[in-house]
PDB file of N, CA and C in Angstrom:
ATOM      1  N   MET A   1     -81.275  -8.234 -11.049  1.00  0.00           N
ATOM      2  CA  MET A   1     -80.354  -8.766 -12.325  1.00  0.00           C
ATOM      3  C   MET A   1     -80.782 -10.212 -12.263  1.00  0.00           C
ATOM      4  N   SER A   2     -80.731 -10.189 -10.444  1.00  0.00           N
ATOM      5  CA  SER A   2     -81.196 -11.956 -10.001  1.00  0.00           C
ATOM      6  C   SER A   2     -82.151 -12.778 -10.677  1.00  0.00           C
ATOM      7  N   ILE A   3     -83.235 -11.949 -10.420  1.00  0.00           N
ATOM      8  CA  ILE A   3     -84.268 -12.595 -10.927  1.00  0.00           C
ATOM      9  C   ILE A   3     -84.729 -12.654 -12.342  1.00  0.00           C
ATOM     10  N   ARG A   4     -84.016 -11.694 -13.143  1.00  0.00           N
ATOM     11  CA  ARG A   4     -84.076 -11.953 -14.475  1.00  0.00           C
ATOM     12  C   ARG A   4     -83.730 -13.273 -15.259  1.00  0.00           C
ATOM     13  N   VAL A   5     -82.319 -13.234 -14.678  1.00  0.00           N
ATOM     14  CA  VAL A   5     -81.232 -14.534 -15.016  1.00  0.00           C
ATOM     15  C   VAL A   5     -82.156 -15.726 -14.644  1.00  0.00           C
ATOM     16  N   GLY A   6     -82.699 -15.567 -13.706  1.00  0.00           N
ATOM     17  CA  GLY A   6     -83.482 -16.979 -13.114  1.00  0.00           C
ATOM     18  C   GLY A   6     -84.675 -17.187 -13.786  1.00  0.00           C
ATOM     19  N   ILE A   7     -85.410 -16.071 -14.094  1.00  0.00           N
ATOM     20  CA  ILE A   7     -86.417 -16.539 -15.214  1.00  0.00           C
ATOM     21  C   ILE A   7     -85.877 -17.168 -16.510  1.00  0.00           C
ATOM     22  N   SER A   8     -84.939 -16.245 -17.210  1.00  0.00           N
ATOM     23  CA  SER A   8     -84.293 -16.782 -18.441  1.00  0.00           C
ATOM     24  C   SER A   8     -83.841 -17.667 -18.201  1.00  0.00           C
ATOM     25  N   GLN A   9     -83.174 -18.568 -17.367  1.00  0.00           N
ATOM     26  CA  GLN A   9     -82.683 -19.918 -17.262  1.00  0.00           C
ATOM     27  C   GLN A   9     -83.389 -21.169 -17.097  1.00  0.00           C
ATOM     28  N   GLU A  10     -84.809 -20.517 -16.298  1.00  0.00           N
ATOM     29  CA  GLU A  10     -85.651 -21.430 -15.954  1.00  0.00           C
ATOM     30  C   GLU A  10     -86.489 -21.892 -17.233  1.00  0.00           C
ATOM     31  N   MET A  11     -86.616 -20.832 -18.261  1.00  0.00           N
ATOM     32  CA  MET A  11     -86.985 -20.986 -19.706  1.00  0.00           C
ATOM     33  C   MET A  11     -86.446 -19.972 -21.061  1.00  0.00           C
ATOM     34  N   PRO A  12     -85.444 -21.219 -20.943  1.00  0.00           N
ATOM     35  CA  PRO A  12     -84.118 -20.701 -22.192  1.00  0.00           C
ATOM     36  C   PRO A  12     -85.487 -20.351 -23.335  1.00  0.00           C
ATOM     37  N   ALA A  13     -86.193 -21.530 -23.744  1.00  0.00           N
ATOM     38  CA  ALA A  13     -86.798 -20.883 -25.162  1.00  0.00           C
ATOM     39  C   ALA A  13     -87.053 -20.220 -25.118  1.00  0.00           C
ATOM     40  N   GLN A  14     -87.944 -20.163 -24.347  1.00  0.00           N
ATOM     41  CA  GLN A  14     -89.003 -18.739 -24.271  1.00  0.00           C
ATOM     42  C   GLN A  14     -88.657 -16.910 -24.332  1.00  0.00           C
ATOM     43  N   THR A  15     -87.388 -17.845 -23.161  1.00  0.00           N
ATOM     44  CA  THR A  15     -86.235 -16.741 -23.255  1.00  0.00           C
ATOM     45  C   THR A  15     -85.678 -15.408 -24.560  1.00  0.00           C
ATOM     46  N   LYS A  16     -85.314 -16.964 -24.933  1.00  0.00           N
ATOM     47  CA  LYS A  16     -84.680 -16.893 -26.894  1.00  0.00           C
ATOM     48  C   LYS A  16     -85.934 -16.138 -27.739  1.00  0.00           C
ATOM     49  N   ALA A  17     -87.217 -16.763 -27.634  1.00  0.00           N
ATOM     50  CA  ALA A  17     -88.379 -16.685 -28.574  1.00  0.00           C
ATOM     51  C   ALA A  17     -88.844 -14.814 -28.147  1.00  0.00           C
ATOM     52  N   VAL A  18     -88.624 -14.921 -27.409  1.00  0.00           N
ATOM     53  CA  VAL A  18     -89.196 -13.331 -26.915  1.00  0.00           C
ATOM     54  C   VAL A  18     -87.849 -12.353 -26.769  1.00  0.00           C
ATOM     55  N   LEU A  19     -86.666 -12.513 -26.358  1.00  0.00           N
ATOM     56  CA  LEU A  19     -85.931 -11.113 -26.818  1.00  0.00           C
ATOM     57  C   LEU A  19     -85.100 -11.559 -28.519  1.00  0.00           C
ATOM     58  N   THR A  20     -85.842 -12.782 -29.174  1.00  0.00           N
ATOM     59  CA  THR A  20     -84.828 -12.417 -30.665  1.00  0.00           C
ATOM     60  C   THR A  20     -86.618 -11.273 -31.554  1.00  0.00           C
ATOM     61  N   ALA A  21     -87.897 -11.632 -30.833  1.00  0.00           N
ATOM     62  CA  ALA A  21     -89.333 -10.917 -31.810  1.00  0.00           C
ATOM     63  C   ALA A  21     -88.568  -9.551 -30.986  1.00  0.00           C
ATOM     64  N   TRP A  22     -88.715  -9.903 -29.967  1.00  0.00           N
ATOM     65  CA  TRP A  22     -88.162  -7.719 -29.059  1.00  0.00           C
ATOM     66  C   TRP A  22     -87.201  -7.124 -30.059  1.00  0.00           C
ATOM     67  N   VAL A  23     -86.272  -7.704 -30.232  1.00  0.00           N
ATOM     68  CA  VAL A  23     -85.144  -6.980 -31.582  1.00  0.00           C
ATOM     69  C   VAL A  23     -85.811  -6.869 -32.682  1.00  0.00           C
ATOM     70  N   ARG A  24     -86.017  -7.994 -33.009  1.00  0.00           N
ATOM     71  CA  ARG A  24     -86.289  -7.918 -34.289  1.00  0.00           C
ATOM     72  C   ARG A  24     -87.617  -6.755 -35.157  1.00  0.00           C
ATOM     73  N   ALA A  25     -88.091  -6.807 -33.751  1.00  0.00           N
ATOM     74  CA  ALA A  25     -89.982  -5.719 -34.035  1.00  0.00           C
ATOM     75  C   ALA A  25     -88.742  -3.941 -34.083  1.00  0.00           C
ATOM     76  N   GLY A  26     -87.817  -4.100 -33.077  1.00  0.00           N
ATOM     77  CA  GLY A  26     -86.540  -2.651 -33.211  1.00  0.00           C
ATOM     78  C   GLY A  26     -87.804  -2.176 -31.749  1.00  0.00           C
ATOM     79  N   PHE A  27     -87.741  -3.068 -31.357  1.00  0.00           N
ATOM     80  CA  PHE A  27     -88.073  -2.406 -29.762  1.00  0.00           C
ATOM     81  C   PHE A  27     -87.281  -1.291 -29.145  1.00  0.00           C
ATOM     82  N   PRO A  28     -85.734  -2.444 -29.021  1.00  0.00           N
ATOM     83  CA  PRO A  28     -84.332  -1.747 -28.483  1.00  0.00           C
ATOM     84  C   PRO A  28     -84.380  -0.338 -28.926  1.00  0.00           C
ATOM     85  N   LEU A  29     -85.006   0.727 -29.951  1.00  0.00           N
ATOM     86  CA  LEU A  29     -84.294   1.642 -30.559  1.00  0.00           C
ATOM     87  C   LEU A  29     -85.998   2.325 -30.202  1.00  0.00           C
ATOM     88  N   HIS A  30     -87.091   1.777 -29.292  1.00  0.00           N
ATOM     89  CA  HIS A  30     -87.968   2.725 -29.195  1.00  0.00           C
ATOM     90  C   HIS A  30     -88.681   2.120 -27.969  1.00  0.00           C
ATOM     91  N   GLU A  31     -87.355   1.327 -26.940  1.00  0.00           N
ATOM     92  CA  GLU A  31     -88.237   1.512 -25.777  1.00  0.00           C
ATOM     93  C   GLU A  31     -87.535   2.892 -25.087  1.00  0.00           C
ATOM     94  N   GLN A  32     -89.268   2.967 -23.969  1.00  0.00           N
ATOM     95  CA  GLN A  32     -89.187   4.185 -23.299  1.00  0.00           C
ATOM     96  C   GLN A  32     -88.422   3.795 -21.974  1.00  0.00           C
ATOM     97  N   PRO A  33     -87.402   5.071 -21.840  1.00  0.00           N
ATOM     98  CA  PRO A  33     -86.091   5.051 -20.576  1.00  0.00           C
ATOM     99  C   PRO A  33     -86.463   4.359 -19.256  1.00  0.00           C
ATOM    100  N   CYS A  34     -87.321   3.417 -19.215  1.00  0.00           N
ATOM    101  CA  CYS A  34     -87.835   2.411 -18.283  1.00  0.00           C
ATOM    102  C   CYS A  34     -86.589   1.914 -17.573  1.00  0.00           C
ATOM    103  N   VAL A  35     -85.504   1.205 -18.345  1.00  0.00           N
ATOM    104  CA  VAL A  35     -84.667   0.513 -17.458  1.00  0.00           C
ATOM    105  C   VAL A  35     -83.049   1.195 -17.628  1.00  0.00           C
ATOM    106  N   SER A  36     -82.864   1.988 -18.701  1.00  0.00           N
ATOM    107  CA  SER A  36     -81.804   2.743 -18.768  1.00  0.00           C
ATOM    108  C   SER A  36     -82.313   3.781 -17.962  1.00  0.00           C
ATOM    109  N   GLY A  37     -83.416   4.473 -16.876  1.00  0.00           N
ATOM    110  CA  GLY A  37     -83.629   5.415 -16.175  1.00  0.00           C
ATOM    111  C   GLY A  37     -83.674   4.714 -15.059  1.00  0.00           C
ATOM    112  N   MET A  38     -83.822   3.644 -14.658  1.00  0.00           N
ATOM    113  CA  MET A  38     -83.002   2.862 -13.303  1.00  0.00           C
ATOM    114  C   MET A  38     -81.490   3.382 -13.298  1.00  0.00           C
ATOM    115  N   PHE A  39     -81.311   2.649 -14.265  1.00  0.00           N
ATOM    116  CA  PHE A  39     -79.773   2.399 -14.474  1.00  0.00           C
ATOM    117  C   PHE A  39     -78.858   4.009 -13.889  1.00  0.00           C
ATOM    118  N   THR A  40     -79.499   4.968 -14.493  1.00  0.00           N
ATOM    119  CA  THR A  40     -79.651   6.085 -14.592  1.00  0.00           C
ATOM    120  C   THR A  40     -79.155   6.728 -12.784  1.00  0.00           C
ATOM    121  N   GLU A  41     -80.195   6.433 -12.240  1.00  0.00           N
ATOM    122  CA  GLU A  41     -80.205   6.629 -11.037  1.00  0.00           C
ATOM    123  C   GLU A  41     -79.413   5.942 -10.021  1.00  0.00           C
ATOM    124  N   PHE A  42     -79.389   4.853 -10.694  1.00  0.00           N
ATOM    125  CA  PHE A  42     -77.879   4.349  -9.669  1.00  0.00           C
ATOM    126  C   PHE A  42     -76.469   4.803 -10.034  1.00  0.00           C
ATOM    127  N   ILE A  43     -76.246   5.003 -11.041  1.00  0.00           N
ATOM    128  CA  ILE A  43     -75.120   5.914 -11.523  1.00  0.00           C
ATOM    129  C   ILE A  43     -74.880   7.234 -10.723  1.00  0.00           C
ATOM    130  N   LYS A  44     -76.317   7.719 -11.092  1.00  0.00           N
ATOM    131  CA  LYS A  44     -76.744   9.008  -9.875  1.00  0.00           C
ATOM    132  C   LYS A  44     -76.105   9.127  -8.601  1.00  0.00           C
ATOM    133  N   ALA A  45     -76.472   7.585  -7.824  1.00  0.00           N
ATOM    134  CA  ALA A  45     -76.227   7.687  -6.990  1.00  0.00           C
ATOM    135  C   ALA A  45     -74.523   7.166  -6.617  1.00  0.00           C
ATOM    136  N   GLY A  46     -74.027   7.290  -7.950  1.00  0.00           N
ATOM    137  CA  GLY A  46     -72.622   6.345  -7.518  1.00  0.00           C
ATOM    138  C   GLY A  46     -72.401   7.989  -7.259  1.00  0.00           C
ATOM    139  N   ARG A  47     -72.242   9.049  -8.143  1.00  0.00           N
ATOM    140  CA  ARG A  47     -71.797  10.096  -8.527  1.00  0.00           C
ATOM    141  C   ARG A  47     -71.717  10.504  -7.015  1.00  0.00           C
ATOM    142  N   GLY A  48     -72.657  10.671  -6.719  1.00  0.00           N
ATOM    143  CA  GLY A  48     -73.259  11.312  -5.231  1.00  0.00           C
ATOM    144  C   GLY A  48     -72.304  11.010  -4.303  1.00  0.00           C
ATOM    145  N   SER A  49     -71.614   9.492  -4.123  1.00  0.00           N
ATOM    146  CA  SER A  49     -70.779   9.120  -2.867  1.00  0.00           C
ATOM    147  C   SER A  49     -69.391   9.171  -3.486  1.00  0.00           C
ATOM    148  N   GLY A  50     -68.959   9.940  -4.582  1.00  0.00           N
ATOM    149  CA  GLY A  50     -67.622   9.639  -5.217  1.00  0.00           C
ATOM    150  C   GLY A  50     -66.840   8.806  -5.816  1.00  0.00           C
ATOM    151  N   GLN A  51     -68.028   7.545  -6.385  1.00  0.00           N
ATOM    152  CA  GLN A  51     -67.968   6.610  -7.060  1.00  0.00           C
ATOM    153  C   GLN A  51     -67.340   6.616  -8.216  1.00  0.00           C
ATOM    154  N   VAL A  52     -68.605   8.370  -9.029  1.00  0.00           N
ATOM    155  CA  VAL A  52     -68.298   8.309 -10.664  1.00  0.00           C
ATOM    156  C   VAL A  52     -67.981   9.257 -10.300  1.00  0.00           C
ATOM    157  N   PRO A  53     -67.226   9.405 -11.309  1.00  0.00           N
ATOM    158  CA  PRO A  53     -66.732  11.419 -11.733  1.00  0.00           C
ATOM    159  C   PRO A  53     -68.137  12.152 -12.647  1.00  0.00           C
ATOM    160  N   ASP A  54     -67.963  13.170 -11.650  1.00  0.00           N
ATOM    161  CA  ASP A  54     -68.657  14.304 -12.866  1.00  0.00           C
ATOM    162  C   ASP A  54     -68.601  14.420 -13.516  1.00  0.00           C
ATOM    163  N   THR A  55     -67.538  14.113 -14.322  1.00  0.00           N
ATOM    164  CA  THR A  55     -67.687  14.115 -15.916  1.00  0.00           C
ATOM    165  C   THR A  55     -68.577  13.020 -16.753  1.00  0.00           C
ATOM    166  N   VAL A  56     -68.455  11.654 -15.773  1.00  0.00           N
ATOM    167  CA  VAL A  56     -69.962  11.114 -16.666  1.00  0.00           C
ATOM    168  C   VAL A  56     -71.174  11.399 -17.128  1.00  0.00           C
ATOM    169  N   ASP A  57     -71.168  11.408 -17.328  1.00  0.00           N
ATOM    170  CA  ASP A  57     -73.030  11.211 -18.147  1.00  0.00           C
ATOM    171  C   ASP A  57     -73.721  10.645 -17.725  1.00  0.00           C
ATOM    172  N   THR A  58     -74.531  11.021 -16.879  1.00  0.00           N
ATOM    173  CA  THR A  58     -75.499   9.519 -16.187  1.00  0.00           C
ATOM    174  C   THR A  58     -76.470   9.045 -17.297  1.00  0.00           C
ATOM    175  N   GLN A  59     -76.941   9.387 -17.862  1.00  0.00           N
ATOM    176  CA  GLN A  59     -77.935   8.891 -18.872  1.00  0.00           C
ATOM    177  C   GLN A  59     -77.262   8.209 -20.191  1.00  0.00           C
ATOM    178  N   LEU A  60     -76.724   8.589 -21.115  1.00  0.00           N
ATOM    179  CA  LEU A  60     -75.950   7.802 -21.447  1.00  0.00           C
ATOM    180  C   LEU A  60     -74.863   6.625 -20.775  1.00  0.00           C
ATOM    181  N   ALA A  61     -74.842   6.994 -19.606  1.00  0.00           N
ATOM    182  CA  ALA A  61     -74.270   5.572 -19.021  1.00  0.00           C
ATOM    183  C   ALA A  61     -75.329   4.495 -18.553  1.00  0.00           C
ATOM    184  N   GLY A  62     -76.242   4.828 -18.627  1.00  0.00           N
ATOM    185  CA  GLY A  62     -78.049   4.359 -18.101  1.00  0.00           C
ATOM    186  C   GLY A  62     -78.238   3.633 -19.032  1.00  0.00           C
ATOM    187  N   TYR A  63     -78.115   4.094 -20.259  1.00  0.00           N
ATOM    188  CA  TYR A  63     -78.181   3.785 -21.666  1.00  0.00           C
ATOM    189  C   TYR A  63     -77.607   2.213 -22.482  1.00  0.00           C
ATOM    190  N   LEU A  64     -76.185   2.811 -21.675  1.00  0.00           N
ATOM    191  CA  LEU A  64     -74.828   1.918 -22.068  1.00  0.00           C
ATOM    192  C   LEU A  64     -75.754   0.613 -21.082  1.00  0.00           C
ATOM    193  N   MET A  65     -75.867   0.764 -19.892  1.00  0.00           N
ATOM    194  CA  MET A  65     -75.745  -0.199 -19.062  1.00  0.00           C
ATOM    195  C   MET A  65     -77.261  -0.942 -19.530  1.00  0.00           C
ATOM    196  N   ARG A  66     -78.218  -0.809 -19.730  1.00  0.00           N
ATOM    197  CA  ARG A  66     -79.150  -1.140 -20.609  1.00  0.00           C
ATOM    198  C   ARG A  66     -78.992  -1.824 -21.429  1.00  0.00           C
ATOM    199  N   ASP A  67     -78.228  -1.475 -22.612  1.00  0.00           N
ATOM    200  CA  ASP A  67     -77.491  -2.134 -23.476  1.00  0.00           C
ATOM    201  C   ASP A  67     -76.779  -3.096 -23.795  1.00  0.00           C
ATOM    202  N   ILE A  68     -75.979  -3.422 -22.120  1.00  0.00           N
ATOM    203  CA  ILE A  68     -74.851  -4.158 -21.758  1.00  0.00           C
ATOM    204  C   ILE A  68     -76.115  -5.671 -21.571  1.00  0.00           C
ATOM    205  N   CYS A  69     -76.785  -5.413 -20.544  1.00  0.00           N
ATOM    206  CA  CYS A  69     -77.808  -6.191 -20.301  1.00  0.00           C
ATOM    207  C   CYS A  69     -78.660  -6.970 -21.158  1.00  0.00           C
ATOM    208  N   LEU A  70     -79.399  -6.326 -22.140  1.00  0.00           N
ATOM    209  CA  LEU A  70     -80.021  -6.793 -23.461  1.00  0.00           C
ATOM    210  C   LEU A  70     -78.362  -7.747 -24.180  1.00  0.00           C
ATOM    211  N   GLY A  71     -77.909  -7.259 -24.517  1.00  0.00           N
ATOM    212  CA  GLY A  71     -76.857  -7.499 -25.360  1.00  0.00           C
ATOM    213  C   GLY A  71     -76.353  -8.339 -24.923  1.00  0.00           C
ATOM    214  N   THR A  72     -76.449  -9.080 -23.102  1.00  0.00           N
ATOM    215  CA  THR A  72     -75.557  -9.907 -22.516  1.00  0.00           C
ATOM    216  C   THR A  72     -76.563 -11.315 -22.760  1.00  0.00           C
ATOM    217  N   ARG A  73     -78.043 -10.761 -22.388  1.00  0.00           N
ATOM    218  CA  ARG A  73     -78.835 -11.779 -22.172  1.00  0.00           C
ATOM    219  C   ARG A  73     -79.583 -12.100 -23.680  1.00  0.00           C
ATOM    220  N   TYR A  74     -79.312 -11.174 -24.773  1.00  0.00           N
ATOM    221  CA  TYR A  74     -79.655 -11.729 -26.025  1.00  0.00           C
ATOM    222  C   TYR A  74     -78.691 -13.035 -26.667  1.00  0.00           C
ATOM    223  N   ARG A  75     -77.770 -12.612 -26.667  1.00  0.00           N
ATOM    224  CA  ARG A  75     -76.605 -13.571 -26.904  1.00  0.00           C
ATOM    225  C   ARG A  75     -76.575 -14.831 -26.264  1.00  0.00           C
ATOM    226  N   TRP A  76     -76.564 -14.958 -24.599  1.00  0.00           N
ATOM    227  CA  TRP A  76     -76.684 -16.358 -24.050  1.00  0.00           C
ATOM    228  C   TRP A  76     -78.325 -17.122 -24.303  1.00  0.00           C
ATOM    229  N   SER A  77     -79.059 -16.581 -25.130  1.00  0.00           N
ATOM    230  CA  SER A  77     -80.013 -16.932 -25.895  1.00  0.00           C
ATOM    231  C   SER A  77     -80.130 -17.360 -26.952  1.00  0.00           C
ATOM    232  N   GLN A  78     -78.963 -16.945 -27.911  1.00  0.00           N
ATOM    233  CA  GLN A  78     -78.855 -17.544 -29.299  1.00  0.00           C
ATOM    234  C   GLN A  78     -77.848 -18.875 -28.992  1.00  0.00           C
ATOM    235  N   SER A  79     -77.012 -18.756 -28.008  1.00  0.00           N
ATOM    236  CA  SER A  79     -76.022 -19.785 -28.020  1.00  0.00           C
ATOM    237  C   SER A  79     -76.106 -21.185 -27.877  1.00  0.00           C
ATOM    238  N   ALA A  80     -75.707 -21.872 -28.926  1.00  0.00           N
ATOM    239  CA  ALA A  80     -77.011 -23.656 -28.656  1.00  0.00           C
ATOM    240  C   ALA A  80     -76.497 -24.259 -28.140  1.00  0.00           C
ATOM    241  N   GLY A  81     -77.262 -24.915 -27.280  1.00  0.00           N
ATOM    242  CA  GLY A  81     -76.863 -25.861 -26.508  1.00  0.00           C
ATOM    243  C   GLY A  81     -77.240 -25.625 -25.091  1.00  0.00           C
ATOM    244  N   ASP A  82     -76.083 -25.750 -24.449  1.00  0.00           N
ATOM    245  CA  ASP A  82     -75.510 -25.208 -23.103  1.00  0.00           C
ATOM    246  C   ASP A  82     -75.358 -23.736 -22.990  1.00  0.00           C
ATOM    247  N   HIS A  83     -76.421 -23.002 -22.277  1.00  0.00           N
ATOM    248  CA  HIS A  83     -75.870 -21.813 -22.634  1.00  0.00           C
ATOM    249  C   HIS A  83     -75.412 -21.053 -21.659  1.00  0.00           C
ATOM    250  N   GLY A  84     -75.004 -21.206 -20.556  1.00  0.00           N
ATOM    251  CA  GLY A  84     -73.773 -21.530 -19.569  1.00  0.00           C
ATOM    252  C   GLY A  84     -74.132 -20.312 -18.346  1.00  0.00           C
ATOM    253  N   ASP A  85     -73.420 -19.969 -17.964  1.00  0.00           N
ATOM    254  CA  ASP A  85     -73.564 -19.567 -16.672  1.00  0.00           C
ATOM    255  C   ASP A  85     -74.313 -17.383 -16.916  1.00  0.00           C
ATOM    256  N   LEU A  86     -75.616 -16.972 -17.265  1.00  0.00           N
ATOM    257  CA  LEU A  86     -75.819 -15.930 -17.404  1.00  0.00           C
ATOM    258  C   LEU A  86     -76.042 -14.660 -16.749  1.00  0.00           C
ATOM    259  N   GLU A  87     -75.698 -15.310 -14.995  1.00  0.00           N
ATOM    260  CA  GLU A  87     -75.458 -14.379 -13.774  1.00  0.00           C
ATOM    261  C   GLU A  87     -73.889 -14.222 -13.840  1.00  0.00           C
ATOM    262  N   SER A  88     -73.168 -14.843 -14.545  1.00  0.00           N
ATOM    263  CA  SER A  88     -71.953 -15.184 -14.186  1.00  0.00           C
ATOM    264  C   SER A  88     -71.379 -13.687 -15.323  1.00  0.00           C
ATOM    265  N   ASP A  89     -71.978 -14.129 -16.234  1.00  0.00           N
ATOM    266  CA  ASP A  89     -71.382 -12.889 -17.998  1.00  0.00           C
ATOM    267  C   ASP A  89     -72.036 -12.106 -17.705  1.00  0.00           C
ATOM    268  N   LEU A  90     -73.609 -11.635 -17.390  1.00  0.00           N
ATOM    269  CA  LEU A  90     -74.129 -10.030 -16.885  1.00  0.00           C
ATOM    270  C   LEU A  90     -72.829  -9.514 -15.814  1.00  0.00           C
ATOM    271  N   GLN A  91     -72.626 -10.034 -14.705  1.00  0.00           N
ATOM    272  CA  GLN A  91     -71.586  -9.641 -13.465  1.00  0.00           C
ATOM    273  C   GLN A  91     -70.166  -9.067 -14.161  1.00  0.00           C
ATOM    274  N   ASP A  92     -69.913 -10.116 -15.175  1.00  0.00           N
ATOM    275  CA  ASP A  92     -68.481  -9.574 -15.616  1.00  0.00           C
ATOM    276  C   ASP A  92     -68.838  -9.039 -17.249  1.00  0.00           C
ATOM    277  N   ALA A  93     -69.893  -8.436 -17.705  1.00  0.00           N
ATOM    278  CA  ALA A  93     -70.125  -7.224 -18.637  1.00  0.00           C
ATOM    279  C   ALA A  93     -70.063  -6.071 -17.875  1.00  0.00           C
ATOM    280  N   CYS A  94     -71.185  -6.229 -16.997  1.00  0.00           N
ATOM    281  CA  CYS A  94     -71.019  -4.790 -15.935  1.00  0.00           C
ATOM    282  C   CYS A  94     -70.244  -4.297 -15.193  1.00  0.00           C
ATOM    283  N   THR A  95     -69.370  -5.765 -14.866  1.00  0.00           N
ATOM    284  CA  THR A  95     -68.117  -5.335 -14.165  1.00  0.00           C
ATOM    285  C   THR A  95     -66.874  -4.560 -15.157  1.00  0.00           C
ATOM    286  N   THR A  96     -67.103  -4.770 -16.388  1.00  0.00           N
ATOM    287  CA  THR A  96     -65.764  -4.439 -17.016  1.00  0.00           C
ATOM    288  C   THR A  96     -66.364  -3.402 -17.383  1.00  0.00           C
ATOM    289  N   PHE A  97     -67.474  -3.043 -17.501  1.00  0.00           N
ATOM    290  CA  PHE A  97     -68.024  -1.354 -17.394  1.00  0.00           C
ATOM    291  C   PHE A  97     -68.370  -0.640 -17.188  1.00  0.00           C
ATOM    292  N   LEU A  98     -68.058  -1.117 -15.755  1.00  0.00           N
ATOM    293  CA  LEU A  98     -68.436  -0.441 -14.232  1.00  0.00           C
ATOM    294  C   LEU A  98     -67.018   0.309 -13.951  1.00  0.00           C
ATOM    295  N   ASP A  99     -66.039  -0.991 -14.185  1.00  0.00           N
ATOM    296  CA  ASP A  99     -64.516  -0.547 -14.174  1.00  0.00           C
ATOM    297  C   ASP A  99     -64.249   0.695 -14.861  1.00  0.00           C
ATOM    298  N   GLY A 100     -64.259   1.026 -16.128  1.00  0.00           N
ATOM    299  CA  GLY A 100     -63.991   2.034 -16.688  1.00  0.00           C
ATOM    300  C   GLY A 100     -64.800   3.450 -16.342  1.00  0.00           C
ATOM    301  N   LEU A 101     -66.018   3.349 -14.930  1.00  0.00           N
ATOM    302  CA  LEU A 101     -66.649   5.085 -14.933  1.00  0.00           C
ATOM    303  C   LEU A 101     -65.559   4.993 -13.177  1.00  0.00           C
ATOM    304  N   MET A 102     -65.297   4.039 -12.519  1.00  0.00           N
ATOM    305  CA  MET A 102     -64.128   4.077 -11.495  1.00  0.00           C
ATOM    306  C   MET A 102     -63.264   5.221 -11.681  1.00  0.00           C
ATOM    307  N   PRO A 103     -63.131   5.973 -10.212  1.00  0.00           N
ATOM    308  CA  PRO A 103     -61.456   7.020 -10.729  1.00  0.00           C
ATOM    309  C   PRO A 103     -60.693   6.478 -10.688  1.00  0.00           C
ATOM    310  N   ARG A 104     -59.493   7.085 -11.370  1.00  0.00           N
ATOM    311  CA  ARG A 104     -58.910   5.780 -11.360  1.00  0.00           C
ATOM    312  C   ARG A 104     -57.451   6.955 -10.248  1.00  0.00           C
ATOM    313  N   SER A 105     -56.169   6.832  -9.928  1.00  0.00           N
ATOM    314  CA  SER A 105     -55.247   7.861  -9.598  1.00  0.00           C
ATOM    315  C   SER A 105     -55.002   8.791 -11.032  1.00  0.00           C
ATOM    316  N   PRO A 106     -54.364   9.639 -10.438  1.00  0.00           N
ATOM    317  CA  PRO A 106     -53.843  10.487 -11.792  1.00  0.00           C
ATOM    318  C   PRO A 106     -52.400   9.672 -11.925  1.00  0.00           C
ATOM    319  N   LEU A 107     -51.892   9.481 -13.491  1.00  0.00           N
ATOM    320  CA  LEU A 107     -51.302   9.143 -14.356  1.00  0.00           C
ATOM    321  C   LEU A 107     -49.990   9.813 -14.227  1.00  0.00           C
ATOM    322  N   ILE A 108     -48.687  10.289 -14.391  1.00  0.00           N
ATOM    323  CA  ILE A 108     -47.979  10.683 -14.800  1.00  0.00           C
ATOM    324  C   ILE A 108     -47.239   9.651 -15.974  1.00  0.00           C
ATOM    325  N   LEU A 109     -46.604   9.974 -17.072  1.00  0.00           N
ATOM    326  CA  LEU A 109     -45.664  10.085 -18.168  1.00  0.00           C
ATOM    327  C   LEU A 109     -44.263   9.982 -17.580  1.00  0.00           C
ATOM    328  N   VAL A 110     -44.039   9.478 -17.436  1.00  0.00           N
ATOM    329  CA  VAL A 110     -42.400   9.247 -17.569  1.00  0.00           C
ATOM    330  C   VAL A 110     -41.333   8.746 -17.999  1.00  0.00           C
ATOM    331  N   THR A 111     -40.850   9.561 -19.595  1.00  0.00           N
ATOM    332  CA  THR A 111     -39.977   8.733 -20.727  1.00  0.00           C
ATOM    333  C   THR A 111     -40.615   7.349 -21.555  1.00  0.00           C
ATOM    334  N   GLY A 112     -42.245   7.528 -21.586  1.00  0.00           N
ATOM    335  CA  GLY A 112     -42.356   6.304 -21.919  1.00  0.00           C
ATOM    336  C   GLY A 112     -43.387   5.316 -20.982  1.00  0.00           C
ATOM    337  N   LEU A 113     -42.432   5.453 -19.324  1.00  0.00           N
ATOM    338  CA  LEU A 113     -43.482   4.626 -18.887  1.00  0.00           C
ATOM    339  C   LEU A 113     -44.403   5.245 -17.757  1.00  0.00           C
ATOM    340  N   THR A 114     -45.872   4.309 -17.876  1.00  0.00           N
ATOM    341  CA  THR A 114     -46.527   5.065 -17.025  1.00  0.00           C
ATOM    342  C   THR A 114     -46.471   4.737 -15.158  1.00  0.00           C
ATOM    343  N   THR A 115     -46.676   5.279 -14.551  1.00  0.00           N
ATOM    344  CA  THR A 115     -46.391   5.373 -13.250  1.00  0.00           C
ATOM    345  C   THR A 115     -47.326   6.437 -12.421  1.00  0.00           C
ATOM    346  N   ARG A 116     -47.752   5.344 -11.091  1.00  0.00           N
ATOM    347  CA  ARG A 116     -48.888   6.253 -10.424  1.00  0.00           C
ATOM    348  C   ARG A 116     -48.558   7.027  -9.723  1.00  0.00           C
ATOM    349  N   ARG A 117     -49.319   8.406  -9.587  1.00  0.00           N
ATOM    350  CA  ARG A 117     -48.245   9.871  -8.768  1.00  0.00           C
ATOM    351  C   ARG A 117     -48.793   9.001  -7.139  1.00  0.00           C
ATOM    352  N   THR A 118     -48.044   9.022  -6.134  1.00  0.00           N
ATOM    353  CA  THR A 118     -48.665   8.746  -4.627  1.00  0.00           C
ATOM    354  C   THR A 118     -48.993  10.412  -3.989  1.00  0.00           C
TER     355      THR A 118
END
């Protein structure tokens, strides 16, 4: 991701033009699953190491990761003037998504209060 961020930040006008044209042409809807397939493999590896629950649809999660990366880059490219920190935005978006995949301690509901089981 860092390499793509570097390219985008070095050439923001070109990034904006390419992403805008790609989206308008409908290519996010017709893309071969290359990028999402890569993310799917990462998520499968996480499942294999116990970091991702077996109930997670790895292919769907791969598509969602691709969508997060594309969406974040597209929003960054459409911002006026100072584009901000794309790498930080991508890391934040991915962390927010992945925190939802991480297993959590089982919760017990007790009289409307949520407590963690020890």
